[in-house]
Amino acid sequence: MIICVGSVVVDHISSIDSFPKKPIKVLANNIDKRLGGAAAVAALTVKKFDGKVEFVGRIGDDDASAFIKKELNSNKLKFSKSLILKNTSSSQSYIFEDKKGERLLAAYSSKKLLLAKKIPHFVLSSNHTYLFDIRWIEAALYLSRQSAIGKIKCVGDIDNFKMNKNIKEIVFNTTYPIFSENGLYDFCKIKSPLKALKNLFKTKNKFYAVTLGENGVMWIDNHQVYLCKPLKIKVVETNGAGDVFHGAFAYSVDQNNDISHAIKFATAAATLKCTKKGGIRSLPSLSSVNKLAAKLKIIKVHT
């Protein structure tokens, strides 16, 4: 069982030819409205693999909230432990995607939603895997502390944060903290991902990883740095690929696979996500991910 805790968002997508060099009016080729959010998309990825999964987040009661609930229900994703907040707007984002699949994203969450700090009642079990993003910092902190005392396995999506002591505690307590490239720099202030991972490892001897887009995934574990590079593909859409990676990694860890297997599986899932448009409507199948993962290799990085 995997419990994904954190953000759920209504994504408004505008497809454009290319990003202008200066602020001007451009014509969109298409618009779309989708369910998004790091933890929610990770949960839907697990669901796509027929894994047992539950989503826990903060949802308001406006029109966006109605859309979120409808999408969660239509995908048969359980969310009964989520906080449903009265007179509150749910999170929304506005995304511009160009023909290369790159995107510009602006996300908004109301203060009332962010100030809802109540922690849901989690029935903690060592047989479960917990995944969180840090949009819900209080829940992430609670789960990381449970991870530190050995009660649970925890995967952390470490991105888009304001640096503080809570973030540090989360990173060093979580079983599997996985940074975005920007997140790793913001945390360590070291440009080289390799040097940043080694610096983290010196602080506390444990697993750390960073996703590097088309350059793959780098991680450190047991004094050794590794790299998994994806196969070359034609990128169609990058939005949500990181969330798919985290969901796939949690799924593989929950299946008691080793870290190398989990990284290859997650890399394959994220790669396949980039080959199709449609957000959660184009999540890769379990069989296609397994097939691609079998072709990937792990490289030891000499330091």
Protein backbone atom coordinates (compact mmCIF):
# COMPACT_ATOMS: atom_id res chain seq x y z
CA MET A 1 0.00 0.00 0.00
CA ILE A 2 1.29 3.45 -0.94
CA ILE A 3 -0.02 6.65 0.63
CA CYS A 4 0.73 9.80 -1.38
CA VAL A 5 0.51 13.00 0.66
CA GLY A 6 0.59 16.57 -0.63
CA SER A 7 -0.64 18.70 -3.48
CA VAL A 8 -3.52 18.32 -5.89
CA VAL A 9 -4.03 21.04 -8.48
CA VAL A 10 -6.23 21.99 -11.41
CA ASP A 11 -3.86 22.54 -14.34
CA HIS A 12 -4.87 24.95 -17.11
CA ILE A 13 -2.70 24.16 -20.16
CA SER A 14 -2.03 26.46 -23.12
CA SER A 15 -0.07 25.02 -26.06
CA ILE A 16 2.06 27.53 -27.98
CA ASP A 17 4.63 27.28 -30.78
CA SER A 18 7.53 28.76 -28.81
CA PHE A 19 8.29 31.02 -25.88
CA PRO A 20 8.67 34.68 -26.92
CA LYS A 21 11.88 36.49 -26.07
CA LYS A 22 9.93 39.35 -24.51
CA PRO A 23 6.42 39.74 -23.03
CA ILE A 24 4.01 39.88 -25.98
CA LYS A 25 0.61 38.51 -26.94
CA VAL A 26 0.76 35.03 -28.53
CA LEU A 27 -1.89 32.72 -29.95
CA ALA A 28 -2.44 29.33 -28.33
CA ASN A 29 -2.85 26.23 -30.49
CA ASN A 30 -4.85 24.40 -27.87
CA ILE A 31 -6.11 24.69 -24.29
CA ASP A 32 -6.80 21.94 -21.79
CA LYS A 33 -7.87 21.44 -18.20
CA ARG A 34 -6.40 18.56 -16.21
CA LEU A 35 -5.84 17.20 -12.75
CA GLY A 36 -2.30 17.85 -11.55
CA GLY A 37 -0.24 18.23 -8.39
CA ALA A 38 2.90 16.33 -7.44
CA ALA A 39 1.43 13.88 -4.92
CA ALA A 40 -1.82 13.40 -6.85
CA VAL A 41 -0.06 12.56 -10.13
CA ALA A 42 2.32 10.23 -8.27
CA ALA A 43 -0.71 8.45 -6.79
CA LEU A 44 -2.39 8.15 -10.19
CA THR A 45 0.84 6.68 -11.57
CA VAL A 46 0.74 3.95 -8.92
CA LYS A 47 -2.95 3.42 -9.72
CA LYS A 48 -2.05 2.97 -13.40
CA PHE A 49 0.28 0.14 -12.35
CA ASP A 50 -2.62 -1.51 -10.45
CA GLY A 51 -0.90 -0.74 -7.17
CA LYS A 52 -2.82 -0.18 -3.95
CA VAL A 53 -2.72 3.55 -3.32
CA GLU A 54 -4.43 6.35 -1.46
CA PHE A 55 -4.13 10.13 -1.84
CA VAL A 56 -4.19 12.53 1.11
CA GLY A 57 -4.27 16.25 0.40
CA ARG A 58 -5.98 19.58 1.09
CA ILE A 59 -9.04 20.38 -1.02
CA GLY A 60 -11.35 23.40 -0.91
CA ASP A 61 -15.02 23.71 -1.84
CA ASP A 62 -15.01 25.95 -4.94
CA ASP A 63 -15.51 25.06 -8.62
CA ALA A 64 -11.89 23.91 -8.90
CA SER A 65 -12.44 21.64 -5.90
CA ALA A 66 -15.48 20.07 -7.57
CA PHE A 67 -13.34 19.33 -10.63
CA ILE A 68 -10.64 17.77 -8.44
CA LYS A 69 -13.10 15.50 -6.64
CA LYS A 70 -14.70 14.47 -9.92
CA GLU A 71 -11.32 13.54 -11.41
CA LEU A 72 -10.19 11.63 -8.33
CA ASN A 73 -13.46 9.71 -8.26
CA SER A 74 -13.42 8.96 -11.99
CA ASN A 75 -9.92 7.53 -11.60
CA LYS A 76 -11.10 5.50 -8.58
CA LEU A 77 -8.41 7.03 -6.38
CA LYS A 78 -9.28 6.99 -2.68
CA PHE A 79 -8.96 10.37 -0.94
CA SER A 80 -11.21 10.01 2.12
CA LYS A 81 -8.46 11.07 4.56
CA SER A 82 -7.96 14.39 2.75
CA LEU A 83 -8.86 17.66 4.46
CA ILE A 84 -11.95 19.22 2.85
CA LEU A 85 -11.92 22.92 3.74
CA LYS A 86 -15.01 25.13 3.69
CA ASN A 87 -15.01 28.55 1.97
CA THR A 88 -11.59 27.78 0.51
CA SER A 89 -10.19 27.74 -3.02
CA SER A 90 -8.27 24.69 -4.19
CA SER A 91 -4.85 25.06 -5.82
CA GLN A 92 -4.63 25.90 -9.52
CA SER A 93 -1.81 26.36 -12.00
CA TYR A 94 -1.42 27.92 -15.43
CA ILE A 95 0.99 26.18 -17.76
CA PHE A 96 2.38 27.19 -21.14
CA GLU A 97 3.88 24.38 -23.24
CA ASP A 98 5.87 24.83 -26.44
CA LYS A 99 6.31 22.41 -29.35
CA LYS A 100 9.48 21.01 -27.77
CA GLY A 101 7.53 19.88 -24.72
CA GLU A 102 9.11 22.45 -22.41
CA ARG A 103 6.86 24.42 -20.10
CA LEU A 104 6.46 27.51 -17.95
CA LEU A 105 4.31 26.92 -14.88
CA ALA A 106 2.78 29.38 -12.44
CA ALA A 107 1.05 27.75 -9.46
CA TYR A 108 -1.28 29.36 -6.94
CA SER A 109 -2.53 28.15 -3.56
CA SER A 110 -4.71 30.30 -1.32
CA LYS A 111 -3.37 31.30 2.09
CA LYS A 112 -6.34 29.63 3.75
CA LEU A 113 -5.44 26.33 2.11
CA LEU A 114 -1.78 26.63 3.07
CA LEU A 115 -2.65 27.57 6.65
CA ALA A 116 -4.65 24.35 7.11
CA LYS A 117 -1.92 22.62 9.11
CA LYS A 118 -3.94 19.86 10.75
CA ILE A 119 -2.30 16.47 10.23
CA PRO A 120 -4.71 13.70 9.17
CA HIS A 121 -4.78 10.50 11.20
CA PHE A 122 -2.31 8.17 9.51
CA VAL A 123 -2.46 4.48 10.41
CA LEU A 124 1.29 3.95 10.20
CA SER A 125 2.60 0.58 9.06
CA SER A 126 6.05 -0.69 8.12
CA ASN A 127 4.28 -2.58 5.32
CA HIS A 128 3.24 0.70 3.69
CA THR A 129 5.29 3.16 1.65
CA TYR A 130 4.62 6.88 2.11
CA LEU A 131 5.33 9.50 -0.53
CA PHE A 132 5.09 13.22 0.10
CA ASP A 133 5.79 16.49 -1.62
CA ILE A 134 6.66 19.46 0.56
CA ARG A 135 3.76 21.71 -0.44
CA TRP A 136 2.18 20.41 2.78
CA ILE A 137 5.19 20.99 4.97
CA GLU A 138 3.58 19.91 8.26
CA ALA A 139 2.58 16.52 6.89
CA ALA A 140 5.99 16.06 5.27
CA LEU A 141 7.73 16.86 8.56
CA TYR A 142 5.53 14.42 10.48
CA LEU A 143 6.12 11.57 8.02
CA SER A 144 9.87 12.21 7.84
CA ARG A 145 10.08 11.96 11.63
CA GLN A 146 8.26 8.63 11.54
CA SER A 147 10.73 7.53 8.88
CA ALA A 148 13.67 8.55 11.07
CA ILE A 149 12.59 6.30 13.93
CA GLY A 150 12.14 3.38 11.57
CA LYS A 151 8.36 3.13 11.58
CA ILE A 152 7.85 3.65 7.84
CA LYS A 153 9.53 3.83 4.42
CA CYS A 154 9.26 7.34 3.04
CA VAL A 155 9.90 8.88 -0.40
CA GLY A 156 10.27 12.67 -0.45
CA ASP A 157 9.77 14.92 -3.50
CA ILE A 158 12.12 17.78 -2.61
CA ASP A 159 11.39 20.78 -4.84
CA ASN A 160 9.98 24.33 -4.68
CA PHE A 161 10.67 25.11 -1.04
CA LYS A 162 11.78 27.96 1.16
CA MET A 163 14.90 26.95 3.03
CA ASN A 164 14.42 26.54 6.77
CA LYS A 165 15.18 24.12 9.61
CA ASN A 166 12.10 22.02 8.80
CA ILE A 167 13.32 21.37 5.25
CA LYS A 168 16.70 20.27 6.61
CA GLU A 169 15.06 17.91 9.07
CA ILE A 170 12.85 16.47 6.34
CA VAL A 171 15.78 15.80 4.00
CA PHE A 172 17.98 14.15 6.59
CA ASN A 173 15.19 12.07 8.15
CA THR A 174 13.44 10.81 5.01
CA THR A 175 14.38 7.34 3.76
CA TYR A 176 14.51 8.36 0.10
CA PRO A 177 14.77 12.13 -0.47
CA ILE A 178 14.73 12.85 -4.21
CA PHE A 179 15.64 16.38 -5.31
CA SER A 180 14.93 18.19 -8.53
CA GLU A 181 18.10 19.76 -9.94
CA ASN A 182 16.95 23.21 -8.82
CA GLY A 183 15.91 21.84 -5.44
CA LEU A 184 19.35 20.33 -4.85
CA TYR A 185 21.05 23.63 -5.67
CA ASP A 186 18.66 25.59 -3.44
CA PHE A 187 19.39 23.21 -0.57
CA CYS A 188 23.18 22.88 -0.93
CA LYS A 189 24.15 26.02 -2.89
CA ILE A 190 26.59 23.85 -4.84
CA LYS A 191 26.32 23.92 -8.66
CA SER A 192 27.72 20.44 -9.27
CA PRO A 193 25.08 17.75 -8.50
CA LEU A 194 27.89 15.28 -7.81
CA LYS A 195 29.56 17.52 -5.26
CA ALA A 196 26.20 18.40 -3.72
CA LEU A 197 25.29 14.73 -3.20
CA LYS A 198 28.68 14.03 -1.65
CA ASN A 199 28.22 17.01 0.65
CA LEU A 200 24.84 15.69 1.81
CA PHE A 201 26.33 12.25 2.40
CA LYS A 202 29.07 13.74 4.58
CA THR A 203 26.41 15.38 6.73
CA LYS A 204 24.46 12.15 7.16
CA ASN A 205 25.39 8.78 5.66
CA LYS A 206 22.28 7.73 3.73
CA PHE A 207 20.56 7.71 0.32
CA TYR A 208 20.05 10.94 -1.66
CA ALA A 209 19.05 11.35 -5.31
CA VAL A 210 18.61 14.12 -7.86
CA THR A 211 16.67 14.04 -11.13
CA LEU A 212 18.53 15.75 -13.98
CA GLY A 213 16.01 15.72 -16.82
CA GLU A 214 17.44 14.33 -20.05
CA ASN A 215 20.74 13.69 -18.22
CA GLY A 216 19.13 11.06 -16.04
CA VAL A 217 19.18 10.42 -12.31
CA MET A 218 22.18 10.57 -10.00
CA TRP A 219 22.22 9.20 -6.47
CA ILE A 220 24.54 8.34 -3.65
CA ASP A 221 24.23 5.35 -1.36
CA ASN A 222 26.72 3.48 0.81
CA HIS A 223 29.61 5.81 -0.20
CA GLN A 224 29.09 5.23 -3.96
CA VAL A 225 27.60 7.60 -6.55
CA TYR A 226 25.57 6.13 -9.41
CA LEU A 227 24.00 7.45 -12.60
CA CYS A 228 21.11 6.12 -14.68
CA LYS A 229 20.70 7.77 -18.08
CA PRO A 230 17.43 7.53 -20.02
CA LEU A 231 17.28 6.39 -23.62
CA LYS A 232 17.05 9.11 -26.26
CA ILE A 233 13.46 9.98 -27.16
CA LYS A 234 11.47 12.64 -28.96
CA VAL A 235 10.11 14.79 -26.13
CA VAL A 236 6.48 15.78 -26.55
CA GLU A 237 5.51 16.86 -23.02
CA THR A 238 7.62 17.21 -19.87
CA ASN A 239 4.86 18.38 -17.54
CA GLY A 240 4.27 15.78 -14.81
CA ALA A 241 7.29 13.63 -15.68
CA GLY A 242 8.92 14.25 -12.30
CA ASP A 243 5.72 13.33 -10.48
CA VAL A 244 5.50 10.11 -12.50
CA PHE A 245 9.12 9.36 -11.54
CA HIS A 246 8.35 9.69 -7.83
CA GLY A 247 5.22 7.58 -8.06
CA ALA A 248 7.01 4.86 -10.01
CA PHE A 249 9.95 4.88 -7.58
CA ALA A 250 7.59 4.51 -4.60
CA TYR A 251 5.76 1.70 -6.39
CA SER A 252 9.00 -0.21 -7.00
CA VAL A 253 10.26 0.33 -3.45
CA ASP A 254 6.91 -0.87 -2.13
CA GLN A 255 7.43 -4.05 -4.18
CA ASN A 256 10.65 -4.57 -2.14
CA ASN A 257 12.91 -4.03 -5.15
CA ASP A 258 16.43 -2.72 -4.58
CA ILE A 259 17.32 0.92 -5.24
CA SER A 260 18.95 0.31 -8.63
CA HIS A 261 15.85 -1.48 -9.88
CA ALA A 262 13.59 1.26 -8.50
CA ILE A 263 15.66 3.99 -10.19
CA LYS A 264 15.61 2.23 -13.57
CA PHE A 265 11.87 1.60 -13.28
CA ALA A 266 11.15 5.22 -12.34
CA THR A 267 13.45 6.56 -15.08
CA ALA A 268 11.66 4.43 -17.65
CA ALA A 269 8.25 5.63 -16.43
CA ALA A 270 9.24 9.31 -16.59
CA THR A 271 10.81 8.83 -20.03
CA LEU A 272 7.66 7.25 -21.44
CA LYS A 273 5.54 10.03 -19.94
CA CYS A 274 7.55 12.56 -21.96
CA THR A 275 6.64 10.83 -25.24
CA LYS A 276 2.90 11.55 -25.03
CA LYS A 277 0.69 14.56 -24.44
CA GLY A 278 -2.31 14.51 -22.14
CA GLY A 279 -1.05 14.65 -18.56
CA ILE A 280 -2.67 11.97 -16.40
CA ARG A 281 -4.56 10.69 -19.44
CA SER A 282 -1.29 9.47 -20.99
CA LEU A 283 0.38 7.70 -18.07
CA PRO A 284 2.51 4.71 -19.19
CA SER A 285 1.43 1.12 -18.61
CA LEU A 286 3.25 -1.25 -16.26
CA SER A 287 4.28 -3.56 -19.10
CA SER A 288 5.75 -0.72 -21.19
CA VAL A 289 7.70 0.60 -18.20
CA ASN A 290 9.13 -2.84 -17.37
CA LYS A 291 10.14 -3.33 -21.00
CA LEU A 292 12.01 -0.03 -21.18
CA ALA A 293 13.54 -0.37 -17.70
CA ALA A 294 15.16 -3.65 -18.76
CA LYS A 295 17.17 -1.71 -21.36
CA LEU A 296 18.60 0.83 -18.92
CA LYS A 297 22.00 0.59 -17.28
CA ILE A 298 23.48 1.84 -14.03
CA ILE A 299 26.87 3.54 -14.16
CA LYS A 300 29.19 3.91 -11.19
CA VAL A 301 30.47 7.47 -11.03
CA HIS A 302 34.13 7.64 -10.03
CA THR A 303 34.84 10.45 -7.60
